[in-house]
């Protein structure tokens, strides 16, 4: 029989994506893009998956975040925001302050 690795040694899955919705309380929707090769035509296709993640850091729409797997937190939430990698870039800083 195989032995299970201790909980501290187990590596959890992590993904980097962009927050597309932050309208819920402590929950954000993160879009993660990946490149997949078409089976017949061999063209590279960009596919997007969305994940609902628990957010205690206050991420906003447009932020690039790193999410990690966690225990089920609700019906659809199985991910947690680990860090905000890049906040959104403001095109015109003068307009943002006004």
PDB file of N, CA and C in Angstrom:
ATOM      1  N   UNK A   1       0.825  -1.192   0.000  1.00  0.00           N
ATOM      2  CA  UNK A   1       0.000   0.000   0.000  1.00  0.00           C
ATOM      3  C   UNK A   1       0.872   1.261   0.000  1.00  0.00           C
ATOM      4  N   UNK A   2       0.360   2.277  -0.670  1.00  0.00           N
ATOM      5  CA  UNK A   2       1.077   3.548  -0.676  1.00  0.00           C
ATOM      6  C   UNK A   2       0.743   4.342   0.580  1.00  0.00           C
ATOM      7  N   UNK A   3       1.742   5.083   1.054  1.00  0.00           N
ATOM      8  CA  UNK A   3       1.500   5.941   2.202  1.00  0.00           C
ATOM      9  C   UNK A   3       1.181   7.345   1.712  1.00  0.00           C
ATOM     10  N   UNK A   4       0.262   7.998   2.403  1.00  0.00           N
ATOM     11  CA  UNK A   4      -0.072   9.378   2.075  1.00  0.00           C
ATOM     12  C   UNK A   4       0.990  10.299   2.653  1.00  0.00           C
ATOM     13  N   UNK A   5       1.322  11.343   1.896  1.00  0.00           N
ATOM     14  CA  UNK A   5       2.271  12.331   2.391  1.00  0.00           C
ATOM     15  C   UNK A   5       1.607  13.123   3.508  1.00  0.00           C
ATOM     16  N   UNK A   6       2.389  13.573   4.503  1.00  0.00           N
ATOM     17  CA  UNK A   6       1.789  14.390   5.560  1.00  0.00           C
ATOM     18  C   UNK A   6       1.220  15.677   4.969  1.00  0.00           C
ATOM     19  N   UNK A   7       0.248  16.248   5.668  1.00  0.00           N
ATOM     20  CA  UNK A   7      -0.459  17.429   5.151  1.00  0.00           C
ATOM     21  C   UNK A   7       0.494  18.584   4.867  1.00  0.00           C
ATOM     22  N   UNK A   8       1.535  18.748   5.688  1.00  0.00           N
ATOM     23  CA  UNK A   8       2.472  19.863   5.491  1.00  0.00           C
ATOM     24  C   UNK A   8       3.336  19.649   4.250  1.00  0.00           C
ATOM     25  N   UNK A   9       3.596  18.403   3.879  1.00  0.00           N
ATOM     26  CA  UNK A   9       4.479  18.124   2.748  1.00  0.00           C
ATOM     27  C   UNK A   9       3.727  18.071   1.421  1.00  0.00           C
ATOM     28  N   UNK A  10       2.398  17.983   1.458  1.00  0.00           N
ATOM     29  CA  UNK A  10       1.591  17.890   0.246  1.00  0.00           C
ATOM     30  C   UNK A  10       1.612  19.226  -0.481  1.00  0.00           C
ATOM     31  N   UNK A  11       1.866  19.181  -1.784  1.00  0.00           N
ATOM     32  CA  UNK A  11       1.918  20.406  -2.596  1.00  0.00           C
ATOM     33  C   UNK A  11       0.539  20.667  -3.187  1.00  0.00           C
ATOM     34  N   UNK A  12      -0.019  21.833  -2.939  1.00  0.00           N
ATOM     35  CA  UNK A  12      -1.343  22.178  -3.457  1.00  0.00           C
ATOM     36  C   UNK A  12      -1.211  22.907  -4.783  1.00  0.00           C
ATOM     37  N   UNK A  13      -2.202  22.729  -5.620  1.00  0.00           N
ATOM     38  CA  UNK A  13      -2.211  23.332  -6.944  1.00  0.00           C
ATOM     39  C   UNK A  13      -2.388  24.852  -6.840  1.00  0.00           C
ATOM     40  N   UNK A  14      -1.654  25.605  -7.655  1.00  0.00           N
ATOM     41  CA  UNK A  14      -1.763  27.062  -7.683  1.00  0.00           C
ATOM     42  C   UNK A  14      -1.925  27.521  -9.118  1.00  0.00           C
ATOM     43  N   UNK A  15      -2.666  28.613  -9.305  1.00  0.00           N
ATOM     44  CA  UNK A  15      -2.884  29.183 -10.634  1.00  0.00           C
ATOM     45  C   UNK A  15      -2.805  30.699 -10.531  1.00  0.00           C
ATOM     46  N   UNK A  16      -2.467  31.343 -11.655  1.00  0.00           N
ATOM     47  CA  UNK A  16      -2.433  32.800 -11.722  1.00  0.00           C
ATOM     48  C   UNK A  16      -3.464  33.233 -12.747  1.00  0.00           C
ATOM     49  N   UNK A  17      -4.298  34.210 -12.368  1.00  0.00           N
ATOM     50  CA  UNK A  17      -5.342  34.673 -13.270  1.00  0.00           C
ATOM     51  C   UNK A  17      -5.754  36.095 -12.958  1.00  0.00           C
ATOM     52  N   UNK A  18      -6.752  36.569 -13.689  1.00  0.00           N
ATOM     53  CA  UNK A  18      -7.240  37.944 -13.559  1.00  0.00           C
ATOM     54  C   UNK A  18      -8.627  37.914 -12.935  1.00  0.00           C
ATOM     55  N   UNK A  19      -8.855  38.803 -11.976  1.00  0.00           N
ATOM     56  CA  UNK A  19     -10.167  38.909 -11.333  1.00  0.00           C
ATOM     57  C   UNK A  19     -11.129  39.549 -12.326  1.00  0.00           C
ATOM     58  N   UNK A  20     -12.220  38.839 -12.649  1.00  0.00           N
ATOM     59  CA  UNK A  20     -13.206  39.373 -13.586  1.00  0.00           C
ATOM     60  C   UNK A  20     -14.449  39.883 -12.873  1.00  0.00           C
ATOM     61  N   UNK A  21     -14.691  39.448 -11.640  1.00  0.00           N
ATOM     62  CA  UNK A  21     -15.832  39.926 -10.873  1.00  0.00           C
ATOM     63  C   UNK A  21     -15.477  39.917  -9.395  1.00  0.00           C
ATOM     64  N   UNK A  22     -15.800  41.034  -8.735  1.00  0.00           N
ATOM     65  CA  UNK A  22     -15.562  41.132  -7.296  1.00  0.00           C
ATOM     66  C   UNK A  22     -16.798  41.720  -6.617  1.00  0.00           C
ATOM     67  N   UNK A  23     -17.980  41.301  -7.046  1.00  0.00           N
ATOM     68  CA  UNK A  23     -19.229  41.887  -6.559  1.00  0.00           C
ATOM     69  C   UNK A  23     -19.815  41.150  -5.363  1.00  0.00           C
ATOM     70  N   UNK A  24     -19.215  40.037  -4.970  1.00  0.00           N
ATOM     71  CA  UNK A  24     -19.720  39.277  -3.833  1.00  0.00           C
ATOM     72  C   UNK A  24     -18.903  39.604  -2.593  1.00  0.00           C
ATOM     73  N   UNK A  25     -19.422  39.205  -1.436  1.00  0.00           N
ATOM     74  CA  UNK A  25     -18.700  39.428  -0.187  1.00  0.00           C
ATOM     75  C   UNK A  25     -17.663  38.330  -0.011  1.00  0.00           C
ATOM     76  N   UNK A  26     -16.399  38.715   0.050  1.00  0.00           N
ATOM     77  CA  UNK A  26     -15.264  37.807   0.264  1.00  0.00           C
ATOM     78  C   UNK A  26     -15.151  36.725  -0.798  1.00  0.00           C
ATOM     79  N   UNK A  27     -15.674  36.963  -1.990  1.00  0.00           N
ATOM     80  CA  UNK A  27     -15.555  36.014  -3.089  1.00  0.00           C
ATOM     81  C   UNK A  27     -15.239  36.770  -4.366  1.00  0.00           C
ATOM     82  N   UNK A  28     -14.278  36.277  -5.128  1.00  0.00           N
ATOM     83  CA  UNK A  28     -13.967  36.849  -6.436  1.00  0.00           C
ATOM     84  C   UNK A  28     -14.011  35.735  -7.470  1.00  0.00           C
ATOM     85  N   UNK A  29     -14.281  36.115  -8.721  1.00  0.00           N
ATOM     86  CA  UNK A  29     -14.244  35.172  -9.831  1.00  0.00           C
ATOM     87  C   UNK A  29     -12.959  35.444 -10.597  1.00  0.00           C
ATOM     88  N   UNK A  30     -12.118  34.424 -10.735  1.00  0.00           N
ATOM     89  CA  UNK A  30     -10.800  34.557 -11.362  1.00  0.00           C
ATOM     90  C   UNK A  30     -10.802  33.783 -12.674  1.00  0.00           C
ATOM     91  N   UNK A  31     -10.396  34.452 -13.760  1.00  0.00           N
ATOM     92  CA  UNK A  31     -10.286  33.814 -15.072  1.00  0.00           C
ATOM     93  C   UNK A  31      -8.826  33.416 -15.287  1.00  0.00           C
ATOM     94  N   UNK A  32      -8.609  32.141 -15.566  1.00  0.00           N
ATOM     95  CA  UNK A  32      -7.264  31.611 -15.799  1.00  0.00           C
ATOM     96  C   UNK A  32      -7.186  31.144 -17.247  1.00  0.00           C
ATOM     97  N   UNK A  33      -6.206  31.670 -17.996  1.00  0.00           N
ATOM     98  CA  UNK A  33      -6.038  31.278 -19.395  1.00  0.00           C
ATOM     99  C   UNK A  33      -4.968  30.201 -19.506  1.00  0.00           C
ATOM    100  N   UNK A  34      -5.182  29.279 -20.462  1.00  0.00           N
ATOM    101  CA  UNK A  34      -4.173  28.273 -20.747  1.00  0.00           C
ATOM    102  C   UNK A  34      -4.153  28.036 -22.247  1.00  0.00           C
ATOM    103  N   UNK A  35      -3.012  27.588 -22.745  1.00  0.00           N
ATOM    104  CA  UNK A  35      -2.867  27.318 -24.164  1.00  0.00           C
ATOM    105  C   UNK A  35      -2.999  25.817 -24.399  1.00  0.00           C
ATOM    106  N   UNK A  36      -3.857  25.443 -25.363  1.00  0.00           N
ATOM    107  CA  UNK A  36      -4.122  24.039 -25.675  1.00  0.00           C
ATOM    108  C   UNK A  36      -3.921  23.848 -27.166  1.00  0.00           C
ATOM    109  N   UNK A  37      -3.364  22.733 -27.534  1.00  0.00           N
ATOM    110  CA  UNK A  37      -3.144  22.432 -28.942  1.00  0.00           C
ATOM    111  C   UNK A  37      -4.346  21.664 -29.491  1.00  0.00           C
ATOM    112  N   UNK A  38      -4.902  22.109 -30.602  1.00  0.00           N
ATOM    113  CA  UNK A  38      -6.048  21.439 -31.221  1.00  0.00           C
ATOM    114  C   UNK A  38      -5.607  20.050 -31.695  1.00  0.00           C
ATOM    115  N   UNK A  39      -6.434  19.043 -31.424  1.00  0.00           N
ATOM    116  CA  UNK A  39      -6.052  17.658 -31.700  1.00  0.00           C
ATOM    117  C   UNK A  39      -5.862  17.383 -33.192  1.00  0.00           C
ATOM    118  N   UNK A  40      -6.718  17.941 -34.039  1.00  0.00           N
ATOM    119  CA  UNK A  40      -6.648  17.660 -35.466  1.00  0.00           C
ATOM    120  C   UNK A  40      -5.787  18.674 -36.217  1.00  0.00           C
ATOM    121  N   UNK A  41      -6.020  19.949 -35.963  1.00  0.00           N
ATOM    122  CA  UNK A  41      -5.367  20.996 -36.750  1.00  0.00           C
ATOM    123  C   UNK A  41      -4.045  21.483 -36.171  1.00  0.00           C
ATOM    124  N   UNK A  42      -3.735  21.099 -34.945  1.00  0.00           N
ATOM    125  CA  UNK A  42      -2.467  21.444 -34.295  1.00  0.00           C
ATOM    126  C   UNK A  42      -2.266  22.940 -34.089  1.00  0.00           C
ATOM    127  N   UNK A  43      -3.343  23.705 -34.165  1.00  0.00           N
ATOM    128  CA  UNK A  43      -3.241  25.140 -33.888  1.00  0.00           C
ATOM    129  C   UNK A  43      -3.358  25.348 -32.385  1.00  0.00           C
ATOM    130  N   UNK A  44      -2.610  26.290 -31.842  1.00  0.00           N
ATOM    131  CA  UNK A  44      -2.675  26.595 -30.428  1.00  0.00           C
ATOM    132  C   UNK A  44      -3.898  27.458 -30.154  1.00  0.00           C
ATOM    133  N   UNK A  45      -4.713  27.032 -29.212  1.00  0.00           N
ATOM    134  CA  UNK A  45      -5.946  27.720 -28.874  1.00  0.00           C
ATOM    135  C   UNK A  45      -5.854  28.206 -27.436  1.00  0.00           C
ATOM    136  N   UNK A  46      -6.352  29.410 -27.186  1.00  0.00           N
ATOM    137  CA  UNK A  46      -6.370  29.971 -25.838  1.00  0.00           C
ATOM    138  C   UNK A  46      -7.719  29.649 -25.198  1.00  0.00           C
ATOM    139  N   UNK A  47      -7.693  28.911 -24.085  1.00  0.00           N
ATOM    140  CA  UNK A  47      -8.914  28.544 -23.369  1.00  0.00           C
ATOM    141  C   UNK A  47      -8.914  29.235 -22.017  1.00  0.00           C
ATOM    142  N   UNK A  48     -10.104  29.610 -21.558  1.00  0.00           N
ATOM    143  CA  UNK A  48     -10.253  30.303 -20.288  1.00  0.00           C
ATOM    144  C   UNK A  48     -11.139  29.489 -19.361  1.00  0.00           C
ATOM    145  N   UNK A  49     -10.694  29.333 -18.125  1.00  0.00           N
ATOM    146  CA  UNK A  49     -11.491  28.685 -17.087  1.00  0.00           C
ATOM    147  C   UNK A  49     -11.716  29.702 -15.978  1.00  0.00           C
ATOM    148  N   UNK A  50     -12.893  29.684 -15.362  1.00  0.00           N
ATOM    149  CA  UNK A  50     -13.160  30.603 -14.258  1.00  0.00           C
ATOM    150  C   UNK A  50     -13.275  29.826 -12.962  1.00  0.00           C
ATOM    151  N   UNK A  51     -12.745  30.397 -11.901  1.00  0.00           N
ATOM    152  CA  UNK A  51     -12.760  29.791 -10.578  1.00  0.00           C
ATOM    153  C   UNK A  51     -13.277  30.810  -9.584  1.00  0.00           C
ATOM    154  N   UNK A  52     -14.128  30.365  -8.661  1.00  0.00           N
ATOM    155  CA  UNK A  52     -14.556  31.226  -7.567  1.00  0.00           C
ATOM    156  C   UNK A  52     -13.577  31.014  -6.420  1.00  0.00           C
ATOM    157  N   UNK A  53     -13.060  32.130  -5.901  1.00  0.00           N
ATOM    158  CA  UNK A  53     -12.033  32.038  -4.870  1.00  0.00           C
ATOM    159  C   UNK A  53     -12.394  32.904  -3.668  1.00  0.00           C
ATOM    160  N   UNK A  54     -12.063  32.428  -2.479  1.00  0.00           N
ATOM    161  CA  UNK A  54     -12.277  33.174  -1.245  1.00  0.00           C
ATOM    162  C   UNK A  54     -11.224  34.269  -1.169  1.00  0.00           C
ATOM    163  N   UNK A  55     -11.661  35.497  -0.894  1.00  0.00           N
ATOM    164  CA  UNK A  55     -10.754  36.647  -0.925  1.00  0.00           C
ATOM    165  C   UNK A  55     -10.836  37.417   0.376  1.00  0.00           C
ATOM    166  N   UNK A  56      -9.760  37.371   1.162  1.00  0.00           N
ATOM    167  CA  UNK A  56      -9.672  38.179   2.374  1.00  0.00           C
ATOM    168  C   UNK A  56      -8.710  39.341   2.185  1.00  0.00           C
ATOM    169  N   UNK A  57      -8.091  39.439   1.005  1.00  0.00           N
ATOM    170  CA  UNK A  57      -7.098  40.485   0.739  1.00  0.00           C
ATOM    171  C   UNK A  57      -7.702  41.721   0.087  1.00  0.00           C
ATOM    172  N   UNK A  58      -8.929  41.632  -0.395  1.00  0.00           N
ATOM    173  CA  UNK A  58      -9.580  42.790  -0.999  1.00  0.00           C
ATOM    174  C   UNK A  58      -9.224  43.007  -2.458  1.00  0.00           C
ATOM    175  N   UNK A  59      -9.152  41.945  -3.236  1.00  0.00           N
ATOM    176  CA  UNK A  59      -8.845  42.076  -4.665  1.00  0.00           C
ATOM    177  C   UNK A  59     -10.012  42.732  -5.384  1.00  0.00           C
ATOM    178  N   UNK A  60      -9.694  43.517  -6.408  1.00  0.00           N
ATOM    179  CA  UNK A  60     -10.713  44.202  -7.198  1.00  0.00           C
ATOM    180  C   UNK A  60     -10.665  43.685  -8.626  1.00  0.00           C
ATOM    181  N   UNK A  61     -11.694  43.987  -9.402  1.00  0.00           N
ATOM    182  CA  UNK A  61     -11.741  43.560 -10.800  1.00  0.00           C
ATOM    183  C   UNK A  61     -10.553  44.138 -11.549  1.00  0.00           C
ATOM    184  N   UNK A  62      -9.875  43.294 -12.327  1.00  0.00           N
ATOM    185  CA  UNK A  62      -8.697  43.718 -13.081  1.00  0.00           C
ATOM    186  C   UNK A  62      -7.384  43.347 -12.422  1.00  0.00           C
ATOM    187  N   UNK A  63      -7.407  43.001 -11.135  1.00  0.00           N
ATOM    188  CA  UNK A  63      -6.184  42.584 -10.442  1.00  0.00           C
ATOM    189  C   UNK A  63      -5.728  41.228 -10.953  1.00  0.00           C
ATOM    190  N   UNK A  64      -4.418  41.042 -11.043  1.00  0.00           N
ATOM    191  CA  UNK A  64      -3.850  39.727 -11.309  1.00  0.00           C
ATOM    192  C   UNK A  64      -3.541  39.095  -9.960  1.00  0.00           C
ATOM    193  N   UNK A  65      -4.095  37.899  -9.720  1.00  0.00           N
ATOM    194  CA  UNK A  65      -3.948  37.248  -8.419  1.00  0.00           C
ATOM    195  C   UNK A  65      -3.434  35.825  -8.584  1.00  0.00           C
ATOM    196  N   UNK A  66      -2.861  35.305  -7.495  1.00  0.00           N
ATOM    197  CA  UNK A  66      -2.442  33.907  -7.437  1.00  0.00           C
ATOM    198  C   UNK A  66      -3.416  33.210  -6.499  1.00  0.00           C
ATOM    199  N   UNK A  67      -4.034  32.109  -6.971  1.00  0.00           N
ATOM    200  CA  UNK A  67      -4.991  31.372  -6.158  1.00  0.00           C
ATOM    201  C   UNK A  67      -4.448  29.973  -5.885  1.00  0.00           C
ATOM    202  N   UNK A  68      -4.842  29.416  -4.756  1.00  0.00           N
ATOM    203  CA  UNK A  68      -4.396  28.078  -4.383  1.00  0.00           C
ATOM    204  C   UNK A  68      -5.567  27.224  -3.956  1.00  0.00           C
ATOM    205  N   UNK A  69      -5.443  25.924  -4.156  1.00  0.00           N
ATOM    206  CA  UNK A  69      -6.488  24.990  -3.760  1.00  0.00           C
ATOM    207  C   UNK A  69      -6.657  24.981  -2.248  1.00  0.00           C
ATOM    208  N   UNK A  70      -7.884  24.736  -1.821  1.00  0.00           N
ATOM    209  CA  UNK A  70      -8.169  24.627  -0.403  1.00  0.00           C
ATOM    210  C   UNK A  70      -9.338  23.662  -0.220  1.00  0.00           C
ATOM    211  N   UNK A  71      -9.709  23.419   1.002  1.00  0.00           N
ATOM    212  CA  UNK A  71     -10.867  22.554   1.259  1.00  0.00           C
ATOM    213  C   UNK A  71     -12.119  23.236   0.717  1.00  0.00           C
ATOM    214  N   UNK A  72     -13.192  22.512   0.486  1.00  0.00           N
ATOM    215  CA  UNK A  72     -14.421  23.150   0.013  1.00  0.00           C
ATOM    216  C   UNK A  72     -14.933  24.171   1.026  1.00  0.00           C
ATOM    217  N   UNK A  73     -15.086  25.421   0.586  1.00  0.00           N
ATOM    218  CA  UNK A  73     -15.560  26.490   1.463  1.00  0.00           C
ATOM    219  C   UNK A  73     -17.058  26.737   1.279  1.00  0.00           C
ATOM    220  N   UNK A  74     -17.585  26.410   0.117  1.00  0.00           N
ATOM    221  CA  UNK A  74     -19.016  26.508  -0.155  1.00  0.00           C
ATOM    222  C   UNK A  74     -19.312  25.594  -1.337  1.00  0.00           C
ATOM    223  N   UNK A  75     -20.492  25.735  -1.919  1.00  0.00           N
ATOM    224  CA  UNK A  75     -20.879  24.863  -3.030  1.00  0.00           C
ATOM    225  C   UNK A  75     -19.910  24.984  -4.207  1.00  0.00           C
ATOM    226  N   UNK A  76     -19.446  26.186  -4.504  1.00  0.00           N
ATOM    227  CA  UNK A  76     -18.606  26.416  -5.680  1.00  0.00           C
ATOM    228  C   UNK A  76     -17.181  26.874  -5.369  1.00  0.00           C
ATOM    229  N   UNK A  77     -16.895  27.242  -4.125  1.00  0.00           N
ATOM    230  CA  UNK A  77     -15.564  27.768  -3.786  1.00  0.00           C
ATOM    231  C   UNK A  77     -14.640  26.666  -3.285  1.00  0.00           C
ATOM    232  N   UNK A  78     -13.570  26.422  -4.052  1.00  0.00           N
ATOM    233  CA  UNK A  78     -12.531  25.468  -3.650  1.00  0.00           C
ATOM    234  C   UNK A  78     -11.150  26.091  -3.776  1.00  0.00           C
ATOM    235  N   UNK A  79     -11.097  27.408  -3.934  1.00  0.00           N
ATOM    236  CA  UNK A  79      -9.835  28.124  -4.125  1.00  0.00           C
ATOM    237  C   UNK A  79      -9.785  29.303  -3.165  1.00  0.00           C
ATOM    238  N   UNK A  80      -8.577  29.761  -2.855  1.00  0.00           N
ATOM    239  CA  UNK A  80      -8.359  30.895  -1.958  1.00  0.00           C
ATOM    240  C   UNK A  80      -7.337  31.819  -2.610  1.00  0.00           C
ATOM    241  N   UNK A  81      -7.556  33.133  -2.511  1.00  0.00           N
ATOM    242  CA  UNK A  81      -6.598  34.104  -3.050  1.00  0.00           C
ATOM    243  C   UNK A  81      -5.390  34.125  -2.121  1.00  0.00           C
ATOM    244  N   UNK A  82      -4.211  33.796  -2.668  1.00  0.00           N
ATOM    245  CA  UNK A  82      -2.989  33.762  -1.868  1.00  0.00           C
ATOM    246  C   UNK A  82      -2.290  35.114  -1.856  1.00  0.00           C
ATOM    247  N   UNK A  83      -2.273  35.785  -3.013  1.00  0.00           N
ATOM    248  CA  UNK A  83      -1.650  37.113  -3.072  1.00  0.00           C
ATOM    249  C   UNK A  83      -2.158  37.862  -4.295  1.00  0.00           C
ATOM    250  N   UNK A  84      -2.113  39.190  -4.183  1.00  0.00           N
ATOM    251  CA  UNK A  84      -2.427  40.041  -5.326  1.00  0.00           C
ATOM    252  C   UNK A  84      -1.090  40.323  -6.000  1.00  0.00           C
ATOM    253  N   UNK A  85      -0.895  39.771  -7.204  1.00  0.00           N
ATOM    254  CA  UNK A  85       0.397  39.865  -7.883  1.00  0.00           C
ATOM    255  C   UNK A  85       0.578  41.261  -8.469  1.00  0.00           C
ATOM    256  N   UNK A  86      -0.404  41.721  -9.260  1.00  0.00           N
ATOM    257  CA  UNK A  86      -0.306  43.024  -9.911  1.00  0.00           C
ATOM    258  C   UNK A  86      -1.655  43.717  -9.813  1.00  0.00           C
ATOM    259  N   UNK A  87      -1.711  44.910  -9.193  1.00  0.00           N
ATOM    260  CA  UNK A  87      -2.971  45.653  -9.233  1.00  0.00           C
ATOM    261  C   UNK A  87      -3.203  46.213 -10.626  1.00  0.00           C
ATOM    262  N   UNK A  88      -4.432  46.592 -10.971  1.00  0.00           N
ATOM    263  CA  UNK A  88      -4.689  47.097 -12.324  1.00  0.00           C
ATOM    264  C   UNK A  88      -3.946  48.394 -12.578  1.00  0.00           C
ATOM    265  N   UNK A  89      -3.552  48.605 -13.821  1.00  0.00           N
ATOM    266  CA  UNK A  89      -2.813  49.803 -14.208  1.00  0.00           C
ATOM    267  C   UNK A  89      -3.818  50.869 -14.623  1.00  0.00           C
ATOM    268  N   UNK A  90      -3.657  52.086 -14.071  1.00  0.00           N
ATOM    269  CA  UNK A  90      -4.522  53.193 -14.425  1.00  0.00           C
ATOM    270  C   UNK A  90      -3.900  53.895 -15.629  1.00  0.00           C
ATOM    271  N   UNK A  91      -4.686  54.072 -16.701  1.00  0.00           N
ATOM    272  CA  UNK A  91      -4.154  54.651 -17.937  1.00  0.00           C
ATOM    273  C   UNK A  91      -3.780  56.118 -17.758  1.00  0.00           C
ATOM    274  N   UNK A  92      -4.643  56.891 -17.066  1.00  0.00           N
ATOM    275  CA  UNK A  92      -4.379  58.311 -16.869  1.00  0.00           C
ATOM    276  C   UNK A  92      -4.438  58.609 -15.381  1.00  0.00           C
ATOM    277  N   UNK A  93      -3.282  58.759 -14.693  1.00  0.00           N
ATOM    278  CA  UNK A  93      -3.290  58.966 -13.244  1.00  0.00           C
ATOM    279  C   UNK A  93      -4.000  60.242 -12.828  1.00  0.00           C
ATOM    280  N   UNK A  94      -3.953  61.311 -13.666  1.00  0.00           N
ATOM    281  CA  UNK A  94      -4.606  62.567 -13.311  1.00  0.00           C
ATOM    282  C   UNK A  94      -6.123  62.389 -13.272  1.00  0.00           C
ATOM    283  N   UNK A  95      -6.673  61.604 -14.187  1.00  0.00           N
ATOM    284  CA  UNK A  95      -8.108  61.378 -14.219  1.00  0.00           C
ATOM    285  C   UNK A  95      -8.562  60.513 -13.039  1.00  0.00           C
ATOM    286  N   UNK A  96      -7.703  59.630 -12.569  1.00  0.00           N
ATOM    287  CA  UNK A  96      -8.037  58.742 -11.462  1.00  0.00           C
ATOM    288  C   UNK A  96      -8.137  59.523 -10.143  1.00  0.00           C
ATOM    289  N   UNK A  97      -7.331  60.577 -10.003  1.00  0.00           N
ATOM    290  CA  UNK A  97      -7.339  61.363  -8.761  1.00  0.00           C
ATOM    291  C   UNK A  97      -8.514  62.328  -8.729  1.00  0.00           C
ATOM    292  N   UNK A  98      -8.996  62.743  -9.871  1.00  0.00           N
ATOM    293  CA  UNK A  98     -10.084  63.728  -9.929  1.00  0.00           C
ATOM    294  C   UNK A  98     -11.419  63.130  -9.584  1.00  0.00           C
TER     295      UNK A  98
END
